[in-house]
Amino acid sequence: MLDINPSDAALGAEIRGVDLGKIDDETFAAIHRAWLDHLVLVFPDQDLTDDELIRFSARFGELDPVPPTSLGREHVPGKPEIMIISNVLEDDEPIGILGSGEAAWHTDQAFQELPPKASLLYAVELPSGGGETSWVSMYAALDEMPSD
């Protein structure tokens, strides 16, 4: 049973009671409505394969291929829709982007003429502390600006 818990912040909701790898159209419609209402959704305790992640993401619309790694390779061979964000090194080479730093405040793909309407971040390994991801509502920011 889908359980949608809105946050107390300007945006966001946590959704439990769903396996994103196996959802029907009715469940996706409820998730899509929650996304429109809350703008950022968190789905704890998911265990998705790459194909399930791509299939769920594609329900929101056409997926953009991501830029290659700094070594000029696809992040996940044969899956151009997936970008790995990691500071892990294997054989002294990064397995994804970010290196040993943190991502600066940004909007994904904002440089494109038609930027994507959404991004999906799927955490596989989380630190025991720190590593917070922040979100901001540009709607709320606009509402708070003086009319002049």
N, C-alpha and C. Protein backbone atom coordinates (compact mmCIF):
# COMPACT_ATOMS: atom_id res chain seq x y z
N MET A 1 0.83 -1.18 0.00
CA MET A 1 0.00 0.00 0.00
C MET A 1 0.88 1.25 0.00
N LEU A 2 0.64 2.13 -0.94
CA LEU A 2 1.42 3.35 -1.10
C LEU A 2 1.15 4.29 0.07
N ASP A 3 2.23 4.72 0.75
CA ASP A 3 2.14 5.61 1.90
C ASP A 3 2.94 6.86 1.57
N ILE A 4 2.27 8.00 1.36
CA ILE A 4 2.91 9.26 0.99
C ILE A 4 2.92 10.18 2.20
N ASN A 5 4.12 10.54 2.66
CA ASN A 5 4.29 11.39 3.83
C ASN A 5 4.98 12.69 3.44
N PRO A 6 4.21 13.78 3.26
CA PRO A 6 4.81 15.07 2.91
C PRO A 6 5.76 15.57 4.00
N SER A 7 6.82 16.26 3.60
CA SER A 7 7.75 16.84 4.57
C SER A 7 7.16 18.15 5.09
N ASP A 8 7.77 18.68 6.11
CA ASP A 8 7.35 19.99 6.65
C ASP A 8 8.01 21.13 5.88
N ALA A 9 8.91 20.82 4.97
CA ALA A 9 9.64 21.83 4.21
C ALA A 9 8.80 22.33 3.03
N ALA A 10 9.38 23.23 2.26
CA ALA A 10 8.68 23.81 1.10
C ALA A 10 8.41 22.78 0.02
N LEU A 11 9.14 21.69 0.04
CA LEU A 11 8.94 20.63 -0.95
C LEU A 11 9.35 19.30 -0.36
N GLY A 12 8.93 18.25 -0.99
CA GLY A 12 9.38 16.91 -0.63
C GLY A 12 8.33 16.06 0.04
N ALA A 13 8.41 14.75 -0.24
CA ALA A 13 7.59 13.75 0.42
C ALA A 13 8.35 12.43 0.39
N GLU A 14 8.14 11.64 1.42
CA GLU A 14 8.69 10.29 1.47
C GLU A 14 7.57 9.32 1.11
N ILE A 15 7.90 8.37 0.24
CA ILE A 15 6.92 7.38 -0.19
C ILE A 15 7.43 5.99 0.19
N ARG A 16 6.58 5.28 0.93
CA ARG A 16 6.89 3.91 1.33
C ARG A 16 5.81 2.98 0.82
N GLY A 17 6.06 1.68 0.93
CA GLY A 17 5.06 0.70 0.54
C GLY A 17 5.01 0.43 -0.94
N VAL A 18 6.15 0.63 -1.62
CA VAL A 18 6.19 0.41 -3.06
C VAL A 18 7.55 -0.14 -3.45
N ASP A 19 7.56 -1.05 -4.40
CA ASP A 19 8.79 -1.56 -5.02
C ASP A 19 8.85 -0.92 -6.40
N LEU A 20 9.73 0.05 -6.58
CA LEU A 20 9.79 0.79 -7.85
C LEU A 20 10.14 -0.10 -9.04
N GLY A 21 10.69 -1.26 -8.79
CA GLY A 21 11.01 -2.18 -9.87
C GLY A 21 9.80 -2.94 -10.39
N LYS A 22 8.70 -2.86 -9.65
CA LYS A 22 7.52 -3.65 -10.02
C LYS A 22 6.25 -2.85 -9.73
N ILE A 23 6.01 -1.80 -10.49
CA ILE A 23 4.80 -1.01 -10.24
C ILE A 23 3.87 -1.07 -11.45
N ASP A 24 2.59 -0.95 -11.17
CA ASP A 24 1.60 -0.93 -12.24
C ASP A 24 1.26 0.52 -12.59
N ASP A 25 0.43 0.69 -13.61
CA ASP A 25 0.09 2.03 -14.08
C ASP A 25 -0.63 2.86 -13.02
N GLU A 26 -1.50 2.23 -12.25
CA GLU A 26 -2.24 2.96 -11.21
C GLU A 26 -1.29 3.49 -10.12
N THR A 27 -0.34 2.65 -9.72
CA THR A 27 0.63 3.07 -8.72
C THR A 27 1.51 4.18 -9.26
N PHE A 28 1.94 4.03 -10.53
CA PHE A 28 2.76 5.10 -11.10
C PHE A 28 1.97 6.41 -11.17
N ALA A 29 0.70 6.35 -11.51
CA ALA A 29 -0.12 7.56 -11.58
C ALA A 29 -0.15 8.27 -10.22
N ALA A 30 -0.23 7.51 -9.13
CA ALA A 30 -0.21 8.10 -7.79
C ALA A 30 1.16 8.70 -7.48
N ILE A 31 2.23 8.02 -7.89
CA ILE A 31 3.59 8.55 -7.70
C ILE A 31 3.77 9.82 -8.52
N HIS A 32 3.31 9.82 -9.75
CA HIS A 32 3.43 11.00 -10.61
C HIS A 32 2.68 12.18 -9.99
N ARG A 33 1.48 11.94 -9.49
CA ARG A 33 0.70 13.00 -8.84
C ARG A 33 1.45 13.55 -7.62
N ALA A 34 2.05 12.64 -6.83
CA ALA A 34 2.82 13.07 -5.66
C ALA A 34 4.02 13.91 -6.09
N TRP A 35 4.65 13.54 -7.20
CA TRP A 35 5.79 14.31 -7.70
C TRP A 35 5.33 15.72 -8.10
N LEU A 36 4.21 15.82 -8.80
CA LEU A 36 3.70 17.14 -9.18
C LEU A 36 3.34 17.97 -7.95
N ASP A 37 2.83 17.32 -6.93
CA ASP A 37 2.41 18.03 -5.71
C ASP A 37 3.59 18.43 -4.82
N HIS A 38 4.63 17.58 -4.74
CA HIS A 38 5.70 17.77 -3.75
C HIS A 38 7.08 18.04 -4.35
N LEU A 39 7.25 17.85 -5.65
CA LEU A 39 8.45 18.19 -6.41
C LEU A 39 9.68 17.33 -6.16
N VAL A 40 9.89 16.86 -4.95
CA VAL A 40 11.00 15.95 -4.63
C VAL A 40 10.40 14.77 -3.87
N LEU A 41 10.70 13.57 -4.34
CA LEU A 41 10.19 12.36 -3.68
C LEU A 41 11.36 11.51 -3.22
N VAL A 42 11.22 10.92 -2.05
CA VAL A 42 12.22 10.02 -1.49
C VAL A 42 11.56 8.66 -1.32
N PHE A 43 12.21 7.62 -1.85
CA PHE A 43 11.71 6.25 -1.76
C PHE A 43 12.75 5.43 -1.00
N PRO A 44 12.64 5.33 0.33
CA PRO A 44 13.65 4.57 1.08
C PRO A 44 13.58 3.07 0.78
N ASP A 45 14.70 2.41 1.02
CA ASP A 45 14.77 0.94 1.01
C ASP A 45 14.41 0.32 -0.33
N GLN A 46 14.89 0.89 -1.41
CA GLN A 46 14.69 0.30 -2.73
C GLN A 46 15.91 -0.55 -3.08
N ASP A 47 15.71 -1.58 -3.85
CA ASP A 47 16.79 -2.44 -4.33
C ASP A 47 16.53 -2.71 -5.80
N LEU A 48 17.04 -1.82 -6.65
CA LEU A 48 16.73 -1.87 -8.08
C LEU A 48 17.91 -2.36 -8.90
N THR A 49 17.61 -3.12 -9.93
CA THR A 49 18.63 -3.42 -10.92
C THR A 49 18.77 -2.20 -11.84
N ASP A 50 19.81 -2.16 -12.63
CA ASP A 50 19.98 -1.06 -13.60
C ASP A 50 18.78 -0.98 -14.53
N ASP A 51 18.31 -2.14 -15.01
CA ASP A 51 17.17 -2.15 -15.93
C ASP A 51 15.89 -1.65 -15.26
N GLU A 52 15.68 -2.01 -13.99
CA GLU A 52 14.50 -1.52 -13.27
C GLU A 52 14.59 -0.01 -13.06
N LEU A 53 15.77 0.49 -12.74
CA LEU A 53 15.98 1.93 -12.57
C LEU A 53 15.65 2.67 -13.87
N ILE A 54 16.14 2.17 -14.98
CA ILE A 54 15.88 2.79 -16.28
C ILE A 54 14.39 2.72 -16.61
N ARG A 55 13.78 1.57 -16.40
CA ARG A 55 12.35 1.39 -16.71
C ARG A 55 11.49 2.34 -15.87
N PHE A 56 11.77 2.45 -14.57
CA PHE A 56 11.00 3.37 -13.72
C PHE A 56 11.23 4.81 -14.16
N SER A 57 12.47 5.20 -14.39
CA SER A 57 12.79 6.57 -14.81
C SER A 57 12.10 6.93 -16.11
N ALA A 58 12.06 6.00 -17.05
CA ALA A 58 11.48 6.26 -18.37
C ALA A 58 9.97 6.47 -18.31
N ARG A 59 9.33 6.10 -17.21
CA ARG A 59 7.90 6.37 -17.07
C ARG A 59 7.62 7.87 -17.02
N PHE A 60 8.61 8.66 -16.62
CA PHE A 60 8.44 10.11 -16.55
C PHE A 60 8.67 10.78 -17.90
N GLY A 61 9.26 10.08 -18.86
CA GLY A 61 9.52 10.62 -20.18
C GLY A 61 10.84 10.11 -20.73
N GLU A 62 11.17 10.60 -21.91
CA GLU A 62 12.39 10.16 -22.59
C GLU A 62 13.62 10.48 -21.74
N LEU A 63 14.55 9.53 -21.67
CA LEU A 63 15.76 9.71 -20.87
C LEU A 63 16.88 10.26 -21.73
N ASP A 64 17.66 11.16 -21.14
CA ASP A 64 18.82 11.73 -21.82
C ASP A 64 20.04 10.87 -21.55
N PRO A 65 20.89 10.65 -22.55
CA PRO A 65 22.17 9.99 -22.26
C PRO A 65 23.03 10.95 -21.43
N VAL A 66 23.84 10.39 -20.56
CA VAL A 66 24.69 11.22 -19.70
C VAL A 66 26.06 11.38 -20.33
N PRO A 67 26.78 12.44 -19.96
CA PRO A 67 28.14 12.61 -20.50
C PRO A 67 29.03 11.46 -20.04
N PRO A 68 30.07 11.13 -20.82
CA PRO A 68 30.97 10.04 -20.44
C PRO A 68 31.80 10.41 -19.20
N THR A 69 32.45 9.41 -18.64
CA THR A 69 33.34 9.64 -17.50
C THR A 69 34.54 10.47 -17.97
N SER A 70 35.34 10.88 -17.00
CA SER A 70 36.55 11.64 -17.34
C SER A 70 37.51 10.82 -18.18
N LEU A 71 37.34 9.51 -18.17
CA LEU A 71 38.18 8.63 -18.99
C LEU A 71 37.55 8.35 -20.35
N GLY A 72 36.41 9.02 -20.65
CA GLY A 72 35.77 8.89 -21.95
C GLY A 72 34.92 7.65 -22.12
N ARG A 73 34.54 6.99 -21.03
CA ARG A 73 33.76 5.77 -21.11
C ARG A 73 32.34 6.00 -20.61
N GLU A 74 31.43 5.09 -21.01
CA GLU A 74 30.10 5.08 -20.41
C GLU A 74 30.26 4.71 -18.94
N HIS A 75 29.43 5.27 -18.11
CA HIS A 75 29.48 4.95 -16.68
C HIS A 75 29.14 3.49 -16.45
N VAL A 76 28.07 3.03 -17.10
CA VAL A 76 27.65 1.63 -17.03
C VAL A 76 27.57 1.14 -18.47
N PRO A 77 28.47 0.25 -18.88
CA PRO A 77 28.48 -0.20 -20.27
C PRO A 77 27.11 -0.67 -20.74
N GLY A 78 26.68 -0.11 -21.88
CA GLY A 78 25.40 -0.48 -22.47
C GLY A 78 24.20 0.21 -21.84
N LYS A 79 24.43 1.09 -20.88
CA LYS A 79 23.34 1.81 -20.21
C LYS A 79 23.66 3.31 -20.21
N PRO A 80 23.53 3.98 -21.35
CA PRO A 80 23.94 5.39 -21.45
C PRO A 80 23.09 6.35 -20.62
N GLU A 81 22.01 5.84 -20.03
CA GLU A 81 21.12 6.69 -19.22
C GLU A 81 21.60 6.80 -17.78
N ILE A 82 22.57 5.98 -17.37
CA ILE A 82 22.99 5.93 -15.97
C ILE A 82 24.35 6.61 -15.80
N MET A 83 24.40 7.51 -14.82
CA MET A 83 25.65 8.17 -14.43
C MET A 83 26.00 7.70 -13.02
N ILE A 84 27.24 7.35 -12.81
CA ILE A 84 27.70 6.96 -11.48
C ILE A 84 28.35 8.18 -10.83
N ILE A 85 27.86 8.52 -9.66
CA ILE A 85 28.44 9.61 -8.86
C ILE A 85 29.08 8.94 -7.66
N SER A 86 30.39 8.97 -7.60
CA SER A 86 31.10 8.23 -6.56
C SER A 86 32.48 8.81 -6.35
N ASN A 87 33.01 8.61 -5.14
CA ASN A 87 34.40 8.96 -4.88
C ASN A 87 35.26 7.70 -4.74
N VAL A 88 34.73 6.55 -5.15
CA VAL A 88 35.43 5.28 -5.05
C VAL A 88 36.41 5.13 -6.21
N LEU A 89 37.61 4.64 -5.89
CA LEU A 89 38.61 4.33 -6.91
C LEU A 89 38.78 2.82 -6.99
N GLU A 90 38.90 2.31 -8.21
CA GLU A 90 39.25 0.92 -8.44
C GLU A 90 40.46 0.91 -9.35
N ASP A 91 41.53 0.25 -8.93
CA ASP A 91 42.79 0.25 -9.67
C ASP A 91 43.26 1.67 -9.94
N ASP A 92 43.13 2.54 -8.94
CA ASP A 92 43.53 3.96 -8.99
C ASP A 92 42.77 4.79 -10.02
N GLU A 93 41.64 4.28 -10.49
CA GLU A 93 40.80 5.04 -11.42
C GLU A 93 39.42 5.23 -10.81
N PRO A 94 38.81 6.42 -11.01
CA PRO A 94 37.47 6.65 -10.46
C PRO A 94 36.43 5.77 -11.17
N ILE A 95 35.46 5.25 -10.41
CA ILE A 95 34.39 4.45 -11.02
C ILE A 95 33.26 5.35 -11.50
N GLY A 96 33.30 6.62 -11.16
CA GLY A 96 32.26 7.55 -11.58
C GLY A 96 32.78 8.97 -11.54
N ILE A 97 31.86 9.93 -11.48
CA ILE A 97 32.27 11.31 -11.36
C ILE A 97 32.18 11.75 -9.91
N LEU A 98 32.85 12.76 -9.55
CA LEU A 98 32.88 13.44 -8.27
C LEU A 98 34.26 13.40 -7.65
N GLY A 99 34.98 12.32 -7.84
CA GLY A 99 36.31 12.25 -7.26
C GLY A 99 36.24 12.27 -5.75
N SER A 100 37.14 13.03 -5.12
CA SER A 100 37.17 13.05 -3.67
C SER A 100 36.52 14.32 -3.12
N GLY A 101 35.82 15.04 -3.97
CA GLY A 101 35.18 16.27 -3.52
C GLY A 101 33.68 16.12 -3.42
N GLU A 102 33.02 17.23 -3.30
CA GLU A 102 31.57 17.25 -3.25
C GLU A 102 31.06 17.99 -4.47
N ALA A 103 29.87 17.64 -4.89
CA ALA A 103 29.25 18.35 -6.00
C ALA A 103 28.85 19.75 -5.52
N ALA A 104 29.13 20.74 -6.33
CA ALA A 104 28.75 22.11 -6.01
C ALA A 104 27.24 22.27 -6.21
N TRP A 105 26.68 23.30 -5.59
CA TRP A 105 25.27 23.59 -5.79
C TRP A 105 25.02 23.76 -7.28
N HIS A 106 24.03 23.10 -7.82
CA HIS A 106 23.81 23.13 -9.26
C HIS A 106 22.39 22.72 -9.61
N THR A 107 22.04 22.91 -10.85
CA THR A 107 20.82 22.38 -11.44
C THR A 107 21.25 21.47 -12.58
N ASP A 108 20.80 20.23 -12.57
CA ASP A 108 21.24 19.26 -13.58
C ASP A 108 20.90 19.73 -14.99
N GLN A 109 21.91 19.70 -15.85
CA GLN A 109 21.76 19.95 -17.29
C GLN A 109 21.12 21.31 -17.61
N ALA A 110 21.27 22.30 -16.74
CA ALA A 110 20.64 23.62 -16.95
C ALA A 110 21.17 24.33 -18.20
N PHE A 111 22.31 23.91 -18.71
CA PHE A 111 22.90 24.55 -19.88
C PHE A 111 22.20 24.15 -21.18
N GLN A 112 21.39 23.10 -21.14
CA GLN A 112 20.73 22.65 -22.36
C GLN A 112 19.56 23.57 -22.71
N GLU A 113 19.31 23.70 -24.01
CA GLU A 113 18.19 24.53 -24.46
C GLU A 113 16.88 24.04 -23.86
N LEU A 114 16.70 22.74 -23.80
CA LEU A 114 15.53 22.14 -23.18
C LEU A 114 16.03 21.21 -22.07
N PRO A 115 16.24 21.75 -20.85
CA PRO A 115 16.77 20.91 -19.77
C PRO A 115 15.78 19.84 -19.35
N PRO A 116 16.26 18.77 -18.75
CA PRO A 116 15.35 17.71 -18.32
C PRO A 116 14.38 18.22 -17.26
N LYS A 117 13.21 17.61 -17.22
CA LYS A 117 12.21 18.03 -16.24
C LYS A 117 12.45 17.40 -14.88
N ALA A 118 13.33 16.41 -14.81
CA ALA A 118 13.57 15.73 -13.54
C ALA A 118 14.92 15.02 -13.57
N SER A 119 15.41 14.73 -12.40
CA SER A 119 16.57 13.87 -12.22
C SER A 119 16.21 12.84 -11.17
N LEU A 120 16.74 11.64 -11.32
CA LEU A 120 16.51 10.59 -10.35
C LEU A 120 17.86 10.19 -9.77
N LEU A 121 17.99 10.27 -8.47
CA LEU A 121 19.22 9.90 -7.78
C LEU A 121 18.95 8.62 -7.00
N TYR A 122 19.67 7.56 -7.31
CA TYR A 122 19.50 6.27 -6.66
C TYR A 122 20.77 5.97 -5.87
N ALA A 123 20.65 6.00 -4.54
CA ALA A 123 21.80 5.78 -3.68
C ALA A 123 22.01 4.29 -3.45
N VAL A 124 23.20 3.83 -3.75
CA VAL A 124 23.55 2.43 -3.55
C VAL A 124 24.32 2.27 -2.24
N GLU A 125 25.21 3.21 -1.96
CA GLU A 125 26.01 3.16 -0.75
C GLU A 125 26.02 4.54 -0.14
N LEU A 126 25.65 4.62 1.14
CA LEU A 126 25.58 5.90 1.83
C LEU A 126 26.58 5.96 2.96
N PRO A 127 27.15 7.13 3.22
CA PRO A 127 28.06 7.25 4.37
C PRO A 127 27.26 7.19 5.67
N SER A 128 27.91 6.85 6.76
CA SER A 128 27.23 6.79 8.05
C SER A 128 26.89 8.18 8.57
N GLY A 129 27.59 9.18 8.06
CA GLY A 129 27.31 10.56 8.45
C GLY A 129 27.70 11.51 7.33
N GLY A 130 27.08 12.67 7.30
CA GLY A 130 27.38 13.63 6.23
C GLY A 130 26.75 13.19 4.92
N GLY A 131 27.19 13.78 3.84
CA GLY A 131 26.70 13.39 2.54
C GLY A 131 25.29 13.85 2.23
N GLU A 132 24.81 14.84 2.95
CA GLU A 132 23.45 15.29 2.74
C GLU A 132 23.27 15.90 1.35
N THR A 133 22.12 15.66 0.78
CA THR A 133 21.73 16.28 -0.48
C THR A 133 20.62 17.28 -0.16
N SER A 134 20.77 18.49 -0.66
CA SER A 134 19.79 19.54 -0.40
C SER A 134 19.02 19.86 -1.67
N TRP A 135 17.79 20.32 -1.48
CA TRP A 135 16.92 20.69 -2.59
C TRP A 135 16.35 22.06 -2.28
N VAL A 136 16.00 22.81 -3.30
CA VAL A 136 15.41 24.13 -3.10
C VAL A 136 14.20 24.27 -4.02
N SER A 137 13.17 24.92 -3.52
CA SER A 137 11.99 25.20 -4.33
C SER A 137 12.13 26.58 -4.96
N MET A 138 12.30 26.60 -6.25
CA MET A 138 12.37 27.89 -6.95
C MET A 138 11.00 28.57 -6.97
N TYR A 139 9.92 27.78 -6.86
CA TYR A 139 8.58 28.35 -6.75
C TYR A 139 8.47 29.17 -5.46
N ALA A 140 8.94 28.56 -4.34
CA ALA A 140 8.90 29.26 -3.06
C ALA A 140 9.80 30.49 -3.08
N ALA A 141 10.96 30.38 -3.71
CA ALA A 141 11.87 31.53 -3.80
C ALA A 141 11.21 32.66 -4.57
N LEU A 142 10.56 32.34 -5.67
CA LEU A 142 9.87 33.37 -6.45
C LEU A 142 8.73 34.01 -5.65
N ASP A 143 7.98 33.19 -4.94
CA ASP A 143 6.88 33.70 -4.13
C ASP A 143 7.36 34.65 -3.04
N GLU A 144 8.57 34.46 -2.54
CA GLU A 144 9.11 35.28 -1.46
C GLU A 144 9.77 36.57 -1.96
N MET A 145 9.97 36.68 -3.26
CA MET A 145 10.64 37.88 -3.81
C MET A 145 9.68 39.07 -3.78
N PRO A 146 10.23 40.27 -3.54
CA PRO A 146 9.38 41.45 -3.62
C PRO A 146 8.83 41.62 -5.04
N SER A 147 7.64 42.14 -5.15
CA SER A 147 7.01 42.25 -6.46
C SER A 147 7.76 43.20 -7.39
N ASP A 148 8.51 44.13 -6.83
CA ASP A 148 9.27 45.05 -7.68
C ASP A 148 10.56 44.41 -8.13
